[in-house]
Amino acid sequence: MLVIVDYGMGNLNSVKNMLKKIGQNSVISGEIGILEKADKIILPGVGSFEAAMTNIKNRNLYDILNRKALVDKIPLLGICLGMQLLTNHSEEGNVEGFGWIDANTLKFEFNNNNLKIPHMGWNRIRTDDSNLLFKNLQEKSKFYFVHSYYVRCSQKSNSLATTEYGLTFDSSIHKDNIYGTQFHPEKSHKYGMELLKNFSNI
């Protein structure tokens, strides 16, 4: 069972609808009993890092998500803010994340007034299809972004894809069974459908 985690923040129905388009059944839930049964998890997110971690802990989801990711080792995909939550720490609210991937979430700061924050719209990624998540997705595929903070991995091996926006940031990250995309596959049309199909097949 693929569970989209409901912790009060995220495009839950958008993700579910895109999964439905590729023929993948999913359940939206924030119930521990449902998460116990999950064999795949998507952790979406829109909004504040600090509020997200607070919600996750207040809803008693922190321990079950840790167990599913680190002990049961089921495939888990964090999307946008959900990817940032996989990191050690965020400058947004100065709070700790799950720390499943050795990376930090940093604030975009530009002297160039031509670069707007948030980074919003379509942008290319640099990757290859050697990882299962990007199978059949050619170099420089386009995806849809909306974010004011970006992720930087400590280890290059944890970076699956990079994107340019005033600087080079890690737009997809990975360690073992854990994946993250800074972009929104559920808003990225054919490329997003292919990526979610790949995740469903991992």
N, C-alpha and C. Protein backbone atom coordinates (compact mmCIF):
# COMPACT_ATOMS: atom_id res chain seq x y z
N MET A 1 0.83 -1.20 0.00
CA MET A 1 0.00 0.00 0.00
C MET A 1 0.87 1.25 0.00
N LEU A 2 0.59 2.16 -0.94
CA LEU A 2 1.31 3.42 -1.01
C LEU A 2 0.52 4.47 -0.23
N VAL A 3 1.15 5.05 0.79
CA VAL A 3 0.49 6.03 1.64
C VAL A 3 1.09 7.41 1.43
N ILE A 4 0.23 8.40 1.15
CA ILE A 4 0.61 9.81 1.10
C ILE A 4 0.36 10.37 2.49
N VAL A 5 1.42 10.85 3.15
CA VAL A 5 1.31 11.23 4.55
C VAL A 5 0.58 12.56 4.71
N ASP A 6 -0.49 12.53 5.50
CA ASP A 6 -1.23 13.74 5.82
C ASP A 6 -0.78 14.23 7.20
N TYR A 7 0.01 15.30 7.21
CA TYR A 7 0.39 15.91 8.48
C TYR A 7 -0.06 17.38 8.51
N GLY A 8 -1.04 17.69 7.64
CA GLY A 8 -1.63 19.01 7.65
C GLY A 8 -1.02 20.00 6.70
N MET A 9 -0.04 19.56 5.89
CA MET A 9 0.63 20.47 4.96
C MET A 9 1.00 19.70 3.69
N GLY A 10 0.52 20.16 2.53
CA GLY A 10 0.93 19.49 1.30
C GLY A 10 -0.19 19.38 0.29
N ASN A 11 0.22 19.20 -0.96
CA ASN A 11 -0.75 19.02 -2.06
C ASN A 11 -1.18 17.56 -2.13
N LEU A 12 -1.91 17.13 -1.14
CA LEU A 12 -2.22 15.70 -1.01
C LEU A 12 -3.03 15.18 -2.19
N ASN A 13 -4.10 15.88 -2.52
CA ASN A 13 -4.96 15.39 -3.60
C ASN A 13 -4.31 15.50 -4.97
N SER A 14 -3.45 16.50 -5.14
CA SER A 14 -2.71 16.63 -6.41
C SER A 14 -1.81 15.42 -6.63
N VAL A 15 -1.14 14.99 -5.56
CA VAL A 15 -0.28 13.81 -5.65
C VAL A 15 -1.12 12.57 -5.92
N LYS A 16 -2.21 12.43 -5.18
CA LYS A 16 -3.08 11.25 -5.36
C LYS A 16 -3.64 11.19 -6.78
N ASN A 17 -4.06 12.34 -7.31
CA ASN A 17 -4.63 12.38 -8.66
C ASN A 17 -3.61 12.01 -9.72
N MET A 18 -2.37 12.47 -9.55
CA MET A 18 -1.33 12.13 -10.52
C MET A 18 -1.01 10.63 -10.45
N LEU A 19 -0.99 10.09 -9.25
CA LEU A 19 -0.77 8.64 -9.11
C LEU A 19 -1.90 7.85 -9.77
N LYS A 20 -3.11 8.36 -9.62
CA LYS A 20 -4.27 7.69 -10.25
C LYS A 20 -4.12 7.67 -11.76
N LYS A 21 -3.58 8.76 -12.34
CA LYS A 21 -3.39 8.84 -13.79
C LYS A 21 -2.43 7.78 -14.31
N ILE A 22 -1.48 7.37 -13.47
CA ILE A 22 -0.53 6.33 -13.91
C ILE A 22 -0.97 4.94 -13.46
N GLY A 23 -2.18 4.85 -12.91
CA GLY A 23 -2.72 3.55 -12.52
C GLY A 23 -2.25 3.06 -11.17
N GLN A 24 -1.77 3.97 -10.34
CA GLN A 24 -1.25 3.59 -9.02
C GLN A 24 -2.24 3.98 -7.93
N ASN A 25 -2.73 2.99 -7.20
CA ASN A 25 -3.62 3.27 -6.07
C ASN A 25 -2.82 3.83 -4.90
N SER A 26 -3.44 4.73 -4.16
CA SER A 26 -2.78 5.30 -2.99
C SER A 26 -3.82 5.69 -1.96
N VAL A 27 -3.36 5.91 -0.75
CA VAL A 27 -4.22 6.30 0.37
C VAL A 27 -3.61 7.54 1.01
N ILE A 28 -4.44 8.54 1.28
CA ILE A 28 -4.01 9.71 2.04
C ILE A 28 -4.34 9.47 3.51
N SER A 29 -3.34 9.52 4.38
CA SER A 29 -3.61 9.23 5.79
C SER A 29 -2.53 9.80 6.71
N GLY A 30 -2.97 10.18 7.89
CA GLY A 30 -2.06 10.55 8.96
C GLY A 30 -2.25 9.65 10.16
N GLU A 31 -2.86 8.48 9.94
CA GLU A 31 -3.11 7.53 11.02
C GLU A 31 -1.96 6.54 11.14
N ILE A 32 -1.51 6.34 12.35
CA ILE A 32 -0.38 5.45 12.60
C ILE A 32 -0.68 4.03 12.12
N GLY A 33 -1.91 3.56 12.35
CA GLY A 33 -2.29 2.21 11.94
C GLY A 33 -2.19 2.00 10.44
N ILE A 34 -2.53 3.04 9.66
CA ILE A 34 -2.42 2.95 8.20
C ILE A 34 -0.96 2.99 7.79
N LEU A 35 -0.18 3.88 8.40
CA LEU A 35 1.24 3.97 8.07
C LEU A 35 1.98 2.68 8.40
N GLU A 36 1.53 1.99 9.43
CA GLU A 36 2.13 0.69 9.79
C GLU A 36 2.08 -0.28 8.62
N LYS A 37 1.00 -0.20 7.82
CA LYS A 37 0.77 -1.14 6.73
C LYS A 37 1.42 -0.71 5.42
N ALA A 38 1.96 0.50 5.39
CA ALA A 38 2.50 1.06 4.14
C ALA A 38 3.72 0.27 3.67
N ASP A 39 3.77 0.00 2.35
CA ASP A 39 4.99 -0.56 1.77
C ASP A 39 5.73 0.48 0.91
N LYS A 40 5.10 1.64 0.74
CA LYS A 40 5.74 2.81 0.14
C LYS A 40 5.10 4.05 0.76
N ILE A 41 5.91 5.11 0.91
CA ILE A 41 5.40 6.35 1.51
C ILE A 41 5.82 7.53 0.66
N ILE A 42 4.89 8.47 0.47
CA ILE A 42 5.21 9.77 -0.11
C ILE A 42 4.97 10.82 0.97
N LEU A 43 5.99 11.64 1.19
CA LEU A 43 5.93 12.72 2.19
C LEU A 43 5.91 14.05 1.43
N PRO A 44 4.71 14.59 1.17
CA PRO A 44 4.64 15.86 0.44
C PRO A 44 4.85 17.03 1.40
N GLY A 45 4.73 18.24 0.90
CA GLY A 45 4.84 19.37 1.80
C GLY A 45 4.86 20.70 1.08
N VAL A 46 4.09 21.65 1.61
CA VAL A 46 4.10 23.03 1.14
C VAL A 46 4.02 23.91 2.38
N GLY A 47 4.92 24.89 2.49
CA GLY A 47 4.87 25.79 3.62
C GLY A 47 6.15 25.81 4.41
N SER A 48 6.05 26.03 5.70
CA SER A 48 7.19 26.27 6.59
C SER A 48 7.78 24.97 7.14
N PHE A 49 9.09 24.87 7.10
CA PHE A 49 9.82 23.72 7.64
C PHE A 49 9.50 23.54 9.13
N GLU A 50 9.57 24.64 9.87
CA GLU A 50 9.34 24.56 11.32
C GLU A 50 7.93 24.08 11.63
N ALA A 51 6.94 24.63 10.91
CA ALA A 51 5.55 24.21 11.13
C ALA A 51 5.36 22.74 10.77
N ALA A 52 6.04 22.29 9.71
CA ALA A 52 5.93 20.90 9.28
C ALA A 52 6.46 19.95 10.35
N MET A 53 7.64 20.22 10.88
CA MET A 53 8.20 19.34 11.91
C MET A 53 7.35 19.38 13.17
N THR A 54 6.81 20.55 13.50
CA THR A 54 5.93 20.66 14.67
C THR A 54 4.68 19.81 14.48
N ASN A 55 4.07 19.91 13.30
CA ASN A 55 2.87 19.10 13.02
C ASN A 55 3.15 17.61 13.10
N ILE A 56 4.27 17.21 12.49
CA ILE A 56 4.63 15.78 12.48
C ILE A 56 4.78 15.26 13.92
N LYS A 57 5.42 16.04 14.77
CA LYS A 57 5.63 15.60 16.16
C LYS A 57 4.34 15.67 16.96
N ASN A 58 3.55 16.73 16.75
CA ASN A 58 2.29 16.87 17.50
C ASN A 58 1.29 15.78 17.13
N ARG A 59 1.39 15.27 15.91
CA ARG A 59 0.47 14.21 15.47
C ARG A 59 1.05 12.82 15.71
N ASN A 60 2.16 12.75 16.44
CA ASN A 60 2.80 11.48 16.80
C ASN A 60 3.22 10.66 15.58
N LEU A 61 3.66 11.38 14.52
CA LEU A 61 4.09 10.70 13.29
C LEU A 61 5.60 10.55 13.20
N TYR A 62 6.32 11.23 14.07
CA TYR A 62 7.79 11.26 13.97
C TYR A 62 8.39 9.86 14.11
N ASP A 63 7.97 9.14 15.13
CA ASP A 63 8.57 7.82 15.40
C ASP A 63 8.21 6.80 14.33
N ILE A 64 6.95 6.79 13.90
CA ILE A 64 6.54 5.81 12.89
C ILE A 64 7.24 6.08 11.56
N LEU A 65 7.41 7.35 11.20
CA LEU A 65 8.11 7.66 9.95
C LEU A 65 9.58 7.27 10.04
N ASN A 66 10.19 7.51 11.19
CA ASN A 66 11.57 7.07 11.39
C ASN A 66 11.70 5.56 11.24
N ARG A 67 10.75 4.85 11.82
CA ARG A 67 10.83 3.38 11.76
C ARG A 67 10.62 2.86 10.34
N LYS A 68 9.65 3.42 9.65
CA LYS A 68 9.39 2.96 8.28
C LYS A 68 10.57 3.25 7.37
N ALA A 69 11.23 4.39 7.58
CA ALA A 69 12.36 4.77 6.73
C ALA A 69 13.64 4.03 7.08
N LEU A 70 13.93 3.92 8.37
CA LEU A 70 15.25 3.44 8.80
C LEU A 70 15.29 1.98 9.23
N VAL A 71 14.17 1.45 9.70
CA VAL A 71 14.14 0.05 10.17
C VAL A 71 13.49 -0.84 9.12
N ASP A 72 12.26 -0.50 8.74
CA ASP A 72 11.56 -1.28 7.70
C ASP A 72 12.16 -1.04 6.33
N LYS A 73 12.76 0.14 6.16
CA LYS A 73 13.46 0.52 4.91
C LYS A 73 12.56 0.40 3.67
N ILE A 74 11.32 0.86 3.81
CA ILE A 74 10.45 0.87 2.63
C ILE A 74 10.81 2.09 1.77
N PRO A 75 10.51 2.05 0.47
CA PRO A 75 10.77 3.22 -0.37
C PRO A 75 9.97 4.43 0.10
N LEU A 76 10.65 5.55 0.25
CA LEU A 76 10.02 6.78 0.72
C LEU A 76 10.46 7.93 -0.17
N LEU A 77 9.49 8.75 -0.59
CA LEU A 77 9.77 9.90 -1.46
C LEU A 77 9.28 11.17 -0.80
N GLY A 78 10.20 12.11 -0.54
CA GLY A 78 9.84 13.43 -0.05
C GLY A 78 9.74 14.40 -1.21
N ILE A 79 8.68 15.20 -1.25
CA ILE A 79 8.44 16.15 -2.34
C ILE A 79 8.47 17.57 -1.81
N CYS A 80 9.29 18.43 -2.43
CA CYS A 80 9.41 19.85 -2.10
C CYS A 80 9.78 20.02 -0.61
N LEU A 81 8.91 20.62 0.19
CA LEU A 81 9.20 20.71 1.63
C LEU A 81 9.44 19.32 2.20
N GLY A 82 8.74 18.33 1.69
CA GLY A 82 8.94 16.95 2.14
C GLY A 82 10.36 16.46 1.93
N MET A 83 11.02 16.90 0.85
CA MET A 83 12.43 16.58 0.64
C MET A 83 13.29 17.30 1.66
N GLN A 84 12.99 18.57 1.91
CA GLN A 84 13.80 19.33 2.88
C GLN A 84 13.74 18.72 4.27
N LEU A 85 12.60 18.12 4.61
CA LEU A 85 12.46 17.48 5.92
C LEU A 85 13.39 16.28 6.10
N LEU A 86 13.88 15.74 4.99
CA LEU A 86 14.80 14.59 5.07
C LEU A 86 16.19 15.01 5.55
N THR A 87 16.47 16.32 5.53
CA THR A 87 17.82 16.83 5.81
C THR A 87 18.06 17.00 7.31
N ASN A 88 19.30 17.37 7.63
CA ASN A 88 19.68 17.55 9.04
C ASN A 88 19.01 18.76 9.68
N HIS A 89 18.95 19.87 8.91
CA HIS A 89 18.63 21.15 9.53
C HIS A 89 18.16 22.13 8.46
N SER A 90 17.30 23.07 8.86
CA SER A 90 16.88 24.13 7.94
C SER A 90 17.13 25.50 8.55
N GLU A 91 17.54 26.43 7.69
CA GLU A 91 17.65 27.82 8.12
C GLU A 91 16.28 28.45 8.33
N GLU A 92 15.23 27.82 7.80
CA GLU A 92 13.88 28.31 8.00
C GLU A 92 13.38 27.87 9.37
N GLY A 93 13.43 28.77 10.33
CA GLY A 93 13.03 28.44 11.68
C GLY A 93 14.16 27.89 12.53
N ASN A 94 15.32 27.61 11.88
CA ASN A 94 16.49 27.09 12.60
C ASN A 94 16.14 25.84 13.40
N VAL A 95 15.55 24.86 12.71
CA VAL A 95 15.14 23.62 13.37
C VAL A 95 15.73 22.41 12.66
N GLU A 96 15.76 21.29 13.39
CA GLU A 96 16.30 20.05 12.86
C GLU A 96 15.23 19.29 12.08
N GLY A 97 15.69 18.61 11.02
CA GLY A 97 14.81 17.73 10.27
C GLY A 97 15.01 16.29 10.72
N PHE A 98 14.60 15.35 9.88
CA PHE A 98 14.77 13.93 10.22
C PHE A 98 16.24 13.51 10.21
N GLY A 99 17.06 14.15 9.37
CA GLY A 99 18.47 13.79 9.31
C GLY A 99 18.73 12.45 8.66
N TRP A 100 17.81 12.00 7.81
CA TRP A 100 18.01 10.72 7.13
C TRP A 100 19.07 10.83 6.03
N ILE A 101 19.22 12.01 5.48
CA ILE A 101 20.25 12.26 4.47
C ILE A 101 21.11 13.41 4.95
N ASP A 102 22.43 13.25 4.84
CA ASP A 102 23.38 14.26 5.34
C ASP A 102 23.38 15.46 4.40
N ALA A 103 22.50 16.41 4.71
CA ALA A 103 22.32 17.59 3.87
C ALA A 103 21.70 18.68 4.74
N ASN A 104 21.74 19.91 4.25
CA ASN A 104 21.13 21.02 4.97
C ASN A 104 20.26 21.84 4.02
N THR A 105 19.25 22.48 4.59
CA THR A 105 18.32 23.32 3.84
C THR A 105 18.67 24.78 4.09
N LEU A 106 18.99 25.49 3.01
CA LEU A 106 19.53 26.84 3.09
C LEU A 106 18.62 27.83 2.37
N LYS A 107 18.72 29.10 2.75
CA LYS A 107 17.88 30.14 2.15
C LYS A 107 18.53 30.71 0.90
N PHE A 108 17.73 30.86 -0.17
CA PHE A 108 18.20 31.59 -1.35
C PHE A 108 18.44 33.05 -0.97
N GLU A 109 19.61 33.56 -1.31
CA GLU A 109 19.91 34.98 -1.11
C GLU A 109 20.70 35.46 -2.31
N PHE A 110 20.14 36.41 -3.05
CA PHE A 110 20.77 36.89 -4.28
C PHE A 110 20.94 38.40 -4.25
N ASN A 111 22.06 38.86 -4.79
CA ASN A 111 22.25 40.29 -5.03
C ASN A 111 21.64 40.71 -6.36
N ASN A 112 21.42 39.73 -7.23
CA ASN A 112 20.86 39.97 -8.56
C ASN A 112 19.34 40.11 -8.46
N ASN A 113 18.84 41.32 -8.69
CA ASN A 113 17.40 41.57 -8.57
C ASN A 113 16.57 40.87 -9.64
N ASN A 114 17.24 40.37 -10.68
CA ASN A 114 16.52 39.67 -11.75
C ASN A 114 16.06 38.28 -11.30
N LEU A 115 16.66 37.77 -10.24
CA LEU A 115 16.31 36.44 -9.75
C LEU A 115 15.31 36.58 -8.61
N LYS A 116 14.10 36.17 -8.85
CA LYS A 116 13.03 36.30 -7.86
C LYS A 116 13.07 35.14 -6.87
N ILE A 117 12.65 35.45 -5.66
CA ILE A 117 12.47 34.43 -4.63
C ILE A 117 11.01 34.50 -4.20
N PRO A 118 10.26 33.41 -4.25
CA PRO A 118 10.72 32.04 -4.48
C PRO A 118 11.11 31.76 -5.93
N HIS A 119 11.94 30.74 -6.08
CA HIS A 119 12.22 30.15 -7.39
C HIS A 119 10.93 29.44 -7.81
N MET A 120 10.30 29.95 -8.85
CA MET A 120 8.99 29.43 -9.23
C MET A 120 8.91 29.21 -10.73
N GLY A 121 8.41 28.06 -11.13
CA GLY A 121 8.20 27.77 -12.54
C GLY A 121 9.01 26.57 -12.99
N TRP A 122 9.07 26.42 -14.32
CA TRP A 122 9.74 25.26 -14.92
C TRP A 122 11.25 25.49 -14.98
N ASN A 123 11.99 24.46 -14.66
CA ASN A 123 13.44 24.53 -14.76
C ASN A 123 13.98 23.13 -15.08
N ARG A 124 15.14 23.13 -15.67
CA ARG A 124 15.77 21.85 -16.05
C ARG A 124 16.55 21.26 -14.88
N ILE A 125 16.67 19.96 -14.90
CA ILE A 125 17.53 19.27 -13.95
C ILE A 125 18.65 18.58 -14.72
N ARG A 126 19.75 18.37 -14.04
CA ARG A 126 20.86 17.60 -14.60
C ARG A 126 20.96 16.29 -13.83
N THR A 127 20.80 15.21 -14.55
CA THR A 127 20.85 13.89 -13.92
C THR A 127 21.23 12.88 -14.98
N ASP A 128 21.19 11.62 -14.63
CA ASP A 128 21.27 10.55 -15.63
C ASP A 128 20.25 9.50 -15.22
N ASP A 129 20.08 8.48 -16.03
CA ASP A 129 19.03 7.50 -15.72
C ASP A 129 19.61 6.24 -15.07
N SER A 130 20.78 6.38 -14.44
CA SER A 130 21.37 5.20 -13.78
C SER A 130 20.63 4.86 -12.49
N ASN A 131 19.96 5.84 -11.88
CA ASN A 131 19.16 5.57 -10.70
C ASN A 131 17.73 5.23 -11.12
N LEU A 132 17.11 4.31 -10.41
CA LEU A 132 15.77 3.86 -10.77
C LEU A 132 14.75 4.99 -10.80
N LEU A 133 14.93 6.00 -9.95
CA LEU A 133 13.95 7.09 -9.90
C LEU A 133 13.90 7.87 -11.21
N PHE A 134 15.03 7.93 -11.92
CA PHE A 134 15.09 8.72 -13.16
C PHE A 134 15.19 7.85 -14.41
N LYS A 135 14.79 6.60 -14.29
CA LYS A 135 14.78 5.71 -15.44
C LYS A 135 13.92 6.29 -16.56
N ASN A 136 14.43 6.27 -17.77
CA ASN A 136 13.74 6.78 -18.97
C ASN A 136 13.53 8.30 -18.98
N LEU A 137 14.15 8.98 -18.04
CA LEU A 137 14.10 10.45 -18.03
C LEU A 137 15.45 10.97 -18.49
N GLN A 138 15.46 11.56 -19.67
CA GLN A 138 16.71 11.96 -20.27
C GLN A 138 17.35 13.13 -19.52
N GLU A 139 18.62 13.34 -19.79
CA GLU A 139 19.36 14.47 -19.25
C GLU A 139 18.60 15.76 -19.52
N LYS A 140 18.57 16.63 -18.53
CA LYS A 140 17.96 17.97 -18.63
C LYS A 140 16.44 17.93 -18.82
N SER A 141 15.77 17.01 -18.15
CA SER A 141 14.31 17.02 -18.13
C SER A 141 13.83 18.27 -17.38
N LYS A 142 12.61 18.71 -17.69
CA LYS A 142 12.05 19.90 -17.05
C LYS A 142 11.03 19.52 -15.98
N PHE A 143 11.10 20.22 -14.85
CA PHE A 143 10.15 19.99 -13.77
C PHE A 143 9.71 21.32 -13.18
N TYR A 144 8.61 21.28 -12.42
CA TYR A 144 8.02 22.50 -11.87
C TYR A 144 8.47 22.71 -10.41
N PHE A 145 8.99 23.90 -10.14
CA PHE A 145 9.53 24.26 -8.82
C PHE A 145 8.74 25.40 -8.20
N VAL A 146 8.61 25.37 -6.87
CA VAL A 146 8.16 26.52 -6.08
C VAL A 146 8.85 26.42 -4.72
N HIS A 147 9.91 27.22 -4.49
CA HIS A 147 10.61 27.13 -3.20
C HIS A 147 11.51 28.34 -2.97
N SER A 148 11.65 28.69 -1.69
CA SER A 148 12.51 29.80 -1.28
C SER A 148 13.78 29.32 -0.58
N TYR A 149 13.82 28.02 -0.30
CA TYR A 149 14.99 27.40 0.34
C TYR A 149 15.44 26.24 -0.54
N TYR A 150 16.72 25.93 -0.47
CA TYR A 150 17.27 24.88 -1.32
C TYR A 150 18.11 23.93 -0.47
N VAL A 151 18.40 22.76 -1.01
CA VAL A 151 19.15 21.73 -0.30
C VAL A 151 20.55 21.60 -0.86
N ARG A 152 21.50 21.43 0.06
CA ARG A 152 22.88 21.15 -0.33
C ARG A 152 23.34 19.91 0.42
N CYS A 153 23.70 18.86 -0.33
CA CYS A 153 24.18 17.61 0.27
C CYS A 153 25.63 17.75 0.73
N SER A 154 25.95 17.10 1.83
CA SER A 154 27.34 17.06 2.30
C SER A 154 28.17 16.08 1.48
N GLN A 155 27.52 15.01 1.01
CA GLN A 155 28.19 14.00 0.20
C GLN A 155 27.62 14.02 -1.22
N LYS A 156 28.50 14.13 -2.19
CA LYS A 156 28.05 14.18 -3.58
C LYS A 156 27.26 12.93 -3.96
N SER A 157 27.57 11.83 -3.33
CA SER A 157 26.90 10.56 -3.66
C SER A 157 25.41 10.58 -3.33
N ASN A 158 24.98 11.51 -2.46
CA ASN A 158 23.56 11.61 -2.10
C ASN A 158 22.77 12.51 -3.05
N SER A 159 23.46 13.15 -4.00
CA SER A 159 22.79 14.03 -4.95
C SER A 159 22.42 13.24 -6.21
N LEU A 160 21.12 13.20 -6.52
CA LEU A 160 20.66 12.51 -7.73
C LEU A 160 20.54 13.45 -8.91
N ALA A 161 20.24 14.73 -8.63
CA ALA A 161 20.05 15.71 -9.70
C ALA A 161 20.39 17.10 -9.17
N THR A 162 20.83 17.96 -10.06
CA THR A 162 21.10 19.35 -9.70
C THR A 162 20.35 20.28 -10.64
N THR A 163 20.16 21.50 -10.18
CA THR A 163 19.47 22.53 -10.95
C THR A 163 20.19 23.86 -10.74
N GLU A 164 20.15 24.69 -11.77
CA GLU A 164 20.76 26.02 -11.69
C GLU A 164 19.69 27.08 -11.46
N TYR A 165 19.87 27.87 -10.40
CA TYR A 165 19.06 29.07 -10.21
C TYR A 165 19.88 30.03 -9.35
N GLY A 166 20.72 30.79 -10.00
CA GLY A 166 21.63 31.68 -9.31
C GLY A 166 22.81 30.97 -8.69
N LEU A 167 22.64 29.70 -8.43
CA LEU A 167 23.67 28.79 -7.91
C LEU A 167 23.23 27.38 -8.28
N THR A 168 24.10 26.43 -8.04
CA THR A 168 23.75 25.03 -8.30
C THR A 168 23.28 24.40 -7.00
N PHE A 169 22.07 23.86 -7.00
CA PHE A 169 21.57 23.20 -5.79
C PHE A 169 21.14 21.78 -6.12
N ASP A 170 21.00 20.98 -5.09
CA ASP A 170 20.59 19.58 -5.26
C ASP A 170 19.07 19.52 -5.36
N SER A 171 18.58 19.19 -6.55
CA SER A 171 17.13 19.18 -6.77
C SER A 171 16.52 17.79 -6.60
N SER A 172 17.36 16.77 -6.43
CA SER A 172 16.88 15.45 -6.04
C SER A 172 17.97 14.77 -5.23
N ILE A 173 17.58 14.13 -4.14
CA ILE A 173 18.56 13.50 -3.25
C ILE A 173 18.14 12.06 -2.97
N HIS A 174 19.11 11.28 -2.47
CA HIS A 174 18.85 9.84 -2.33
C HIS A 174 19.84 9.21 -1.36
N LYS A 175 19.33 8.32 -0.54
CA LYS A 175 20.18 7.44 0.25
C LYS A 175 19.41 6.16 0.51
N ASP A 176 19.95 5.04 0.04
CA ASP A 176 19.33 3.74 0.24
C ASP A 176 17.88 3.75 -0.29
N ASN A 177 16.91 3.58 0.58
CA ASN A 177 15.49 3.50 0.20
C ASN A 177 14.80 4.87 0.21
N ILE A 178 15.56 5.93 0.52
CA ILE A 178 14.97 7.26 0.73
C ILE A 178 15.31 8.18 -0.44
N TYR A 179 14.27 8.81 -1.00
CA TYR A 179 14.42 9.69 -2.16
C TYR A 179 13.76 11.04 -1.87
N GLY A 180 14.24 12.07 -2.54
CA GLY A 180 13.60 13.37 -2.42
C GLY A 180 13.69 14.14 -3.72
N THR A 181 12.65 14.93 -4.00
CA THR A 181 12.67 15.84 -5.14
C THR A 181 12.26 17.22 -4.66
N GLN A 182 13.07 18.23 -4.98
CA GLN A 182 12.70 19.60 -4.63
C GLN A 182 11.55 20.08 -5.50
N PHE A 183 11.51 19.61 -6.71
CA PHE A 183 10.43 19.96 -7.64
C PHE A 183 9.18 19.14 -7.33
N HIS A 184 8.07 19.54 -7.98
CA HIS A 184 6.78 18.87 -7.79
C HIS A 184 6.50 17.94 -8.96
N PRO A 185 6.71 16.65 -8.84
CA PRO A 185 6.38 15.75 -9.95
C PRO A 185 4.88 15.75 -10.26
N GLU A 186 4.06 15.99 -9.24
CA GLU A 186 2.60 15.99 -9.46
C GLU A 186 2.13 17.18 -10.29
N LYS A 187 3.02 18.17 -10.51
CA LYS A 187 2.70 19.33 -11.34
C LYS A 187 3.55 19.39 -12.60
N SER A 188 4.29 18.32 -12.87
CA SER A 188 5.29 18.34 -13.94
C SER A 188 4.92 17.50 -15.15
N HIS A 189 3.62 17.29 -15.35
CA HIS A 189 3.11 16.65 -16.56
C HIS A 189 3.83 15.33 -16.88
N LYS A 190 4.27 15.15 -18.11
CA LYS A 190 4.78 13.84 -18.53
C LYS A 190 6.04 13.43 -17.78
N TYR A 191 6.89 14.40 -17.47
CA TYR A 191 8.12 14.06 -16.74
C TYR A 191 7.78 13.61 -15.31
N GLY A 192 6.85 14.32 -14.70
CA GLY A 192 6.44 13.95 -13.34
C GLY A 192 5.74 12.61 -13.30
N MET A 193 4.93 12.35 -14.31
CA MET A 193 4.25 11.05 -14.38
C MET A 193 5.26 9.92 -14.49
N GLU A 194 6.28 10.12 -15.29
CA GLU A 194 7.31 9.09 -15.46
C GLU A 194 8.07 8.86 -14.17
N LEU A 195 8.40 9.96 -13.47
CA LEU A 195 9.13 9.82 -12.20
C LEU A 195 8.29 9.09 -11.16
N LEU A 196 7.01 9.44 -11.03
CA LEU A 196 6.16 8.77 -10.05
C LEU A 196 5.93 7.31 -10.42
N LYS A 197 5.90 7.04 -11.73
CA LYS A 197 5.80 5.65 -12.18
C LYS A 197 7.04 4.87 -11.75
N ASN A 198 8.19 5.50 -11.90
CA ASN A 198 9.45 4.87 -11.49
C ASN A 198 9.45 4.60 -9.99
N PHE A 199 9.01 5.59 -9.20
CA PHE A 199 8.97 5.39 -7.75
C PHE A 199 8.02 4.25 -7.39
N SER A 200 6.89 4.21 -8.06
CA SER A 200 5.90 3.15 -7.78
C SER A 200 6.46 1.76 -8.05
N ASN A 201 7.43 1.68 -8.97
CA ASN A 201 8.00 0.39 -9.34
C ASN A 201 9.26 0.01 -8.55
N ILE A 202 9.72 0.90 -7.69
CA ILE A 202 10.93 0.60 -6.90
C ILE A 202 10.60 -0.46 -5.86
